Structure formats: C-alpha cells, structure tokens
Protein backbone atom coordinates (compact mmCIF):
# COMPACT_ATOMS: atom_id res chain seq x y z
CA MET A 1 -2.71 -7.69 -5.63
CA ASN A 2 -3.13 -3.93 -5.86
CA ALA A 3 -3.00 -3.00 -9.55
CA ALA A 4 -2.59 0.70 -8.74
CA LYS A 5 0.44 -0.09 -6.63
CA GLU A 6 2.05 -1.95 -9.52
CA THR A 7 1.92 1.06 -11.80
CA ALA A 8 4.50 3.82 -11.74
CA VAL A 9 5.46 6.53 -14.19
CA TYR A 10 9.04 6.46 -15.46
CA THR A 11 10.11 9.81 -14.06
CA HIS A 12 12.90 10.49 -16.56
CA GLY A 13 11.30 9.42 -19.83
CA HIS A 14 13.57 8.82 -22.82
CA HIS A 15 14.59 12.32 -23.80
CA GLU A 16 18.02 12.61 -25.42
CA SER A 17 19.44 14.05 -22.18
CA VAL A 18 18.38 10.87 -20.38
CA LEU A 19 19.72 8.48 -23.00
CA ARG A 20 22.97 10.45 -23.03
CA SER A 21 23.68 9.07 -19.57
CA HIS A 22 22.20 5.64 -20.23
CA ARG A 23 24.46 5.06 -23.23
CA TRP A 24 27.50 5.77 -21.05
CA ARG A 25 26.72 2.74 -18.89
CA THR A 26 28.70 -0.46 -19.32
CA ALA A 27 28.91 -3.74 -17.45
CA GLU A 28 32.23 -2.54 -16.05
CA ASN A 29 30.98 0.77 -14.64
CA SER A 30 27.43 -0.32 -13.78
CA ALA A 31 27.37 -4.09 -13.17
CA ALA A 32 30.84 -5.01 -11.90
CA TYR A 33 29.28 -6.73 -8.88
CA LEU A 34 27.63 -9.22 -11.27
CA ILE A 35 30.48 -9.93 -13.69
CA GLY A 36 32.07 -12.62 -11.51
CA GLU A 37 28.84 -14.64 -11.64
CA LEU A 38 28.69 -14.83 -15.43
CA ARG A 39 29.93 -17.80 -17.46
CA PRO A 40 29.87 -18.77 -21.14
CA GLY A 41 26.67 -20.53 -22.08
CA MET A 42 24.47 -18.83 -19.49
CA SER A 43 21.01 -17.46 -20.23
CA VAL A 44 20.39 -13.92 -18.97
CA LEU A 45 17.27 -11.77 -18.71
CA ASP A 46 18.09 -8.06 -18.72
CA VAL A 47 15.07 -6.21 -17.34
CA GLY A 48 14.80 -2.51 -18.20
CA CYS A 49 17.52 -2.74 -20.83
CA GLY A 50 17.23 0.86 -22.01
CA PRO A 51 19.41 1.57 -25.07
CA GLY A 52 21.25 -1.71 -24.56
CA THR A 53 24.85 -0.85 -23.74
CA ILE A 54 24.93 -3.03 -20.61
CA THR A 55 22.91 -5.69 -22.44
CA ALA A 56 25.54 -5.93 -25.17
CA ASP A 57 28.33 -6.30 -22.62
CA LEU A 58 26.42 -9.06 -20.83
CA ALA A 59 26.03 -10.89 -24.14
CA GLU A 60 29.78 -10.78 -24.69
CA LEU A 61 30.39 -12.07 -21.16
CA VAL A 62 28.20 -15.16 -21.63
CA ALA A 63 29.54 -15.95 -25.11
CA PRO A 64 30.06 -18.39 -26.61
CA GLY A 65 26.85 -20.30 -26.29
CA GLY A 66 25.02 -17.87 -24.01
CA ARG A 67 21.89 -15.92 -24.73
CA VAL A 68 20.56 -12.63 -23.40
CA THR A 69 16.92 -11.63 -23.52
CA ALA A 70 16.55 -7.85 -23.19
CA VAL A 71 13.23 -6.28 -22.26
CA ASP A 72 11.98 -2.81 -21.46
CA ALA A 73 8.57 -1.24 -20.97
CA ALA A 74 9.14 1.19 -23.86
CA GLN A 75 9.19 -0.18 -27.41
CA ASP A 76 11.12 2.77 -28.83
CA VAL A 77 14.08 2.27 -26.52
CA VAL A 78 14.03 -1.50 -27.18
CA GLU A 79 14.54 -0.68 -30.86
CA GLN A 80 17.56 1.43 -29.90
CA ALA A 81 18.96 -1.52 -27.94
CA ARG A 82 18.41 -3.77 -30.96
CA ALA A 83 20.27 -1.30 -33.19
CA HIS A 84 23.16 -1.04 -30.71
CA ALA A 85 23.57 -4.83 -30.67
CA ALA A 86 23.57 -4.89 -34.46
CA GLU A 87 26.21 -2.16 -34.59
CA ARG A 88 28.43 -4.28 -32.35
CA GLY A 89 27.82 -7.36 -34.48
CA LEU A 90 26.32 -9.32 -31.61
CA SER A 91 24.05 -12.30 -32.01
CA GLY A 92 22.44 -14.27 -29.25
CA ILE A 93 20.29 -11.38 -28.00
CA GLY A 94 16.52 -11.34 -28.14
CA PHE A 95 14.45 -8.21 -27.54
CA GLY A 96 10.94 -7.46 -26.38
CA THR A 97 8.70 -5.37 -24.17
CA ALA A 98 7.71 -6.45 -20.68
CA ASP A 99 6.24 -5.37 -17.36
CA VAL A 100 8.56 -6.48 -14.57
CA HIS A 101 5.54 -6.96 -12.29
CA ALA A 102 4.25 -9.72 -14.60
CA LEU A 103 6.99 -11.15 -16.79
CA ASP A 104 5.77 -13.17 -19.77
CA PHE A 105 8.22 -16.05 -19.28
CA PRO A 106 7.80 -19.51 -17.77
CA ASP A 107 9.14 -20.35 -14.33
CA ASP A 108 12.86 -21.19 -14.12
CA SER A 109 13.72 -19.74 -17.54
CA PHE A 110 17.06 -17.98 -16.91
CA ASP A 111 20.35 -18.50 -15.11
CA VAL A 112 20.66 -14.79 -14.33
CA VAL A 113 18.00 -12.07 -14.07
CA HIS A 114 19.41 -8.53 -13.99
CA ALA A 115 17.86 -5.09 -13.48
CA HIS A 116 19.87 -1.87 -13.46
CA GLN A 117 18.22 1.34 -12.15
CA VAL A 118 14.78 -0.23 -12.50
CA LEU A 119 13.36 -0.91 -9.05
CA GLN A 120 13.41 2.76 -8.04
CA HIS A 121 10.88 3.45 -10.79
CA VAL A 122 8.35 0.64 -10.37
CA GLY A 123 5.15 0.73 -8.35
CA ASP A 124 5.83 -2.50 -6.42
CA PRO A 125 9.53 -3.38 -6.24
CA VAL A 126 8.85 -6.40 -4.03
CA GLN A 127 6.47 -7.90 -6.59
CA ALA A 128 9.04 -7.11 -9.29
CA LEU A 129 11.67 -9.07 -7.37
CA ARG A 130 9.22 -11.94 -6.86
CA GLU A 131 8.74 -12.10 -10.63
CA MET A 132 12.48 -11.93 -11.24
CA ARG A 133 12.87 -14.80 -8.76
CA ARG A 134 10.10 -16.81 -10.42
CA VAL A 135 11.76 -16.78 -13.84
CA CYS A 136 15.23 -17.52 -12.42
CA ARG A 137 16.33 -21.14 -12.27
CA PRO A 138 17.09 -22.73 -8.88
CA GLY A 139 20.67 -21.90 -8.01
CA GLY A 140 20.65 -18.91 -10.36
CA VAL A 141 21.18 -15.27 -9.53
CA VAL A 142 18.86 -12.28 -9.39
CA ALA A 143 20.88 -9.07 -9.50
CA ALA A 144 19.73 -5.48 -9.03
CA ARG A 145 21.48 -2.14 -8.70
CA ASP A 146 19.83 1.21 -7.95
CA ALA A 147 20.97 4.70 -7.08
CA ASP A 148 20.12 6.30 -3.75
CA TYR A 149 19.27 9.95 -4.36
CA ALA A 150 19.37 11.02 -0.71
CA ALA A 151 22.95 9.73 -0.57
CA MET A 152 24.14 11.75 -3.57
CA THR A 153 26.78 14.26 -2.58
CA TRP A 154 28.72 17.00 -4.33
CA TYR A 155 31.22 19.79 -3.97
CA PRO A 156 31.23 22.74 -3.96
CA ALA A 157 27.94 23.59 -2.28
CA THR A 158 25.91 25.32 -4.97
CA PRO A 159 22.74 27.31 -4.26
CA GLY A 160 19.87 25.55 -5.95
CA LEU A 161 21.17 21.98 -6.07
CA ASP A 162 19.67 21.08 -2.71
CA ASP A 163 16.36 22.40 -4.05
CA TRP A 164 16.81 20.30 -7.20
CA LEU A 165 17.34 17.14 -5.15
CA SER A 166 14.35 17.81 -2.90
CA LEU A 167 12.14 18.46 -5.92
CA TYR A 168 13.31 15.36 -7.77
CA ARG A 169 12.56 13.12 -4.78
CA ARG A 170 9.07 14.62 -4.44
CA VAL A 171 8.29 14.12 -8.11
CA ALA A 172 9.61 10.55 -8.17
CA ARG A 173 7.50 9.57 -5.16
CA ALA A 174 4.42 11.25 -6.60
CA ASN A 175 4.96 9.07 -9.69
CA GLY A 176 4.84 5.94 -7.53
CA GLY A 177 8.60 5.32 -7.36
CA GLU A 178 11.20 5.34 -4.58
CA PRO A 179 14.24 7.52 -5.36
CA ASP A 180 16.19 6.26 -2.34
CA ALA A 181 15.98 2.68 -3.59
CA GLY A 182 19.63 1.77 -3.15
CA ARG A 183 19.41 1.45 0.63
CA ARG A 184 16.19 -0.55 0.40
CA LEU A 185 17.24 -3.31 -2.03
CA ARG A 186 18.22 -5.82 0.65
CA ALA A 187 14.98 -5.28 2.57
CA TRP A 188 12.90 -5.58 -0.61
CA ALA A 189 14.70 -8.81 -1.56
CA ARG A 190 14.07 -10.36 1.84
CA GLU A 191 10.40 -9.36 1.65
CA ALA A 192 10.25 -10.98 -1.79
CA GLY A 193 11.33 -14.29 -0.22
CA PHE A 194 15.07 -14.39 -0.87
CA THR A 195 17.08 -15.78 2.02
CA ASP A 196 20.56 -15.72 0.41
CA VAL A 197 21.25 -12.05 -0.34
CA THR A 198 24.67 -10.48 -0.80
CA SER A 199 24.57 -6.70 -0.50
CA SER A 200 27.17 -4.21 -1.70
CA ALA A 201 27.51 -0.62 -2.83
CA THR A 202 29.60 1.16 -5.41
CA ALA A 203 29.66 4.76 -6.59
CA TRP A 204 29.86 6.66 -9.81
CA CYS A 205 32.13 9.67 -9.41
CA PHE A 206 32.32 12.62 -11.79
CA ALA A 207 35.39 14.65 -10.90
CA THR A 208 37.40 15.74 -13.93
CA PRO A 209 36.40 18.99 -15.67
CA GLU A 210 35.17 16.97 -18.63
CA GLU A 211 33.10 14.63 -16.46
CA ALA A 212 31.60 17.49 -14.46
CA ALA A 213 30.69 19.36 -17.65
CA TRP A 214 29.04 16.25 -19.12
CA TRP A 215 27.12 15.34 -15.95
CA SER A 216 25.93 18.88 -15.26
CA ALA A 217 24.86 19.51 -18.86
CA LEU A 218 22.76 16.38 -19.12
CA TRP A 219 21.05 17.12 -15.81
CA ALA A 220 20.44 20.74 -16.75
CA ASP A 221 18.84 19.59 -20.00
CA ARG A 222 16.90 16.82 -18.27
CA THR A 223 15.54 19.27 -15.71
CA THR A 224 13.96 21.55 -18.30
CA ALA A 225 13.39 19.48 -21.44
CA SER A 226 12.66 15.85 -20.50
CA GLU A 227 9.49 14.06 -19.44
CA TYR A 228 10.54 14.86 -15.87
CA ALA A 229 10.01 18.57 -16.55
CA ALA A 230 6.51 17.99 -17.89
CA ILE A 231 5.62 15.80 -14.90
CA ALA A 232 7.07 18.27 -12.39
CA THR A 233 5.09 21.21 -13.77
CA GLY A 234 1.97 19.24 -14.70
CA GLY A 235 1.78 17.75 -11.23
CA GLY A 236 2.06 21.13 -9.55
CA HIS A 237 5.44 20.31 -7.99
CA ALA A 238 7.33 23.16 -9.66
CA THR A 239 6.97 26.08 -12.05
CA GLY A 240 8.94 26.59 -15.20
CA SER A 241 10.94 29.22 -13.35
CA ASP A 242 11.77 26.72 -10.61
CA LEU A 243 13.10 24.26 -13.18
CA ALA A 244 15.09 26.95 -14.98
CA ALA A 245 16.70 27.91 -11.66
CA ALA A 246 17.59 24.28 -10.97
CA ALA A 247 19.11 23.89 -14.43
CA GLU A 248 21.20 27.02 -13.91
CA ALA A 249 22.40 25.63 -10.56
CA TRP A 250 23.61 22.54 -12.41
CA ARG A 251 25.49 24.69 -14.93
CA VAL A 252 27.09 26.78 -12.20
CA TRP A 253 28.21 23.66 -10.35
CA GLY A 254 29.57 22.07 -13.54
CA ALA A 255 31.69 25.13 -14.30
CA ALA A 256 33.39 25.12 -10.89
CA PRO A 257 37.07 24.13 -11.19
CA ASP A 258 36.79 21.80 -8.18
CA ALA A 259 33.44 20.26 -9.15
CA TRP A 260 32.94 16.74 -7.78
CA PHE A 261 29.79 14.62 -7.70
CA SER A 262 29.23 11.09 -6.43
CA VAL A 263 26.22 8.80 -6.89
CA LEU A 264 25.95 5.93 -4.40
CA ASN A 265 24.42 2.76 -5.82
CA GLY A 266 23.11 -0.13 -3.73
CA GLU A 267 23.50 -3.64 -5.18
CA ILE A 268 22.12 -7.09 -4.42
CA LEU A 269 23.00 -10.59 -5.62
CA CYS A 270 20.21 -13.00 -4.63
CA ARG A 271 20.44 -16.77 -4.96
CA ALA A 272 17.22 -18.23 -6.30
C-alpha cells in the first residue's frame, strides 16, 4: 500500500469560517438519504464528525438503545463535537481520533458507517471505503456523501467566481484530494469491493438574501483567512492579491438581489 497516497491535507482546515458552515449541517439537510436506514438500537460510526451536529442527530435517530462513535482526524474539532453533544444532553456517543485509511476498530463492529464530506479530502478514498466496509457488520450500511465542485452553479455570473472555483480545485488536488468527488463515489465503492450500491444526489441551495449573504461571507472569509489561504499561497497557487480578488467576487455575488447558488452532492448507500 502506498503510504504517500493515503495522506492528504485537509484543504479547509478548521478556521471559524469553515466551522460556520459545518455547524449548519444536520441529518435532515445533509444525510436525508441515510435516515430511512436508521433504527433504534443501532450502532453507528460517524467518520469525520467535525463539530458534531450531524453526529448528534444520528444519535437521536438510533435512540433508545443505540450508540454512535464519532471520530475525526483533528482532536480539537472532536472536543467541539463532544461539547455539542453535552449541550444537547445526549448520551450514547463516544468520541475519538482516527485515520479513515486505518480505522482502529475490529471487523464487523457497526451497523452503519457514515462519512459526510470526507472522501474528497483523503489520499486514497478507495482504501477509506474498504476500511469502512471492514468495520461494518454483514448486512449493514456504509454511507457517504460528498460535494462535486465542478458541478457547483450560481447566478448571476460574477467576474472572479470562475477563477475562485478553478483555483480551489487546483489547490485541493495538489493537497492529494479530489474536489469532484460526488460523481466518483459509485465508482470508488465498486472498486472497494461493494456490489450492492445505491447512488443518489441531492443539492444544497442558497437562494434567499439571508442565505446568499451567509454563504458568500463564509466563503469570502475562508478564501483569505483559513488554512486554505495559507496552502494556496504557500504552494504557489495564488498570491494574496488573487485571494483578495476572489473574496471580493464572493461579496459582490452575495449582495446581488437575485443571488442563487447550488451545491450538488453525490451519495452512496452500500450494503456490506
């Protein structure tokens, strides 16, 4: 196994502008394709849990009697997930750090293994899916959902946003990830050995003035102040002026009265 291939840099990092969007995510708006598979008493592994908002919803959906284990590569964000669960008064959730390429759990440990917006950032998504399959019990479900950056679309056309998208995709790939992961999930699952794969797609849509303002502001901030900005400039992909221009393009788009933005997400439900 190629160790270099397994390693990827998380392009976004955990700047406040990134977590601003992550905390907005719920099972309803980000894992609806999975909800029908969940039952009380199930055990769930949530890979790449981030600040834990989806994790907490999953715990409520498998209660009573269920248990969720939430893991992420970054200890600091795991602590945020732990705090969020405590704020909601939830028990039955365990937390830890993990590398999805080599999960520290025995075979056949969970009824459901879930990863949201994870596979686009890892060095070897096929190996990640093999590991998710390994720790899933026979008859269980491995579920993954990822955005597809090339399929993102918006209105009105705004000078600079096409440049932003092109730059983001270059930086993500230089980090070892695949920003157009959504369209590849089915192929990756089949390569990982799954034969029973249900594919679907759903979209986030930001269309009200309030939604457009929120979405544009967090991306403007992310473009200039997050780990992504440091990687983009440090890797020679962009200058500070380039990033400032991209951030301004986001602000201009967000202020447009007809602003509309849609993010296509690919989804897979794989029977173990």
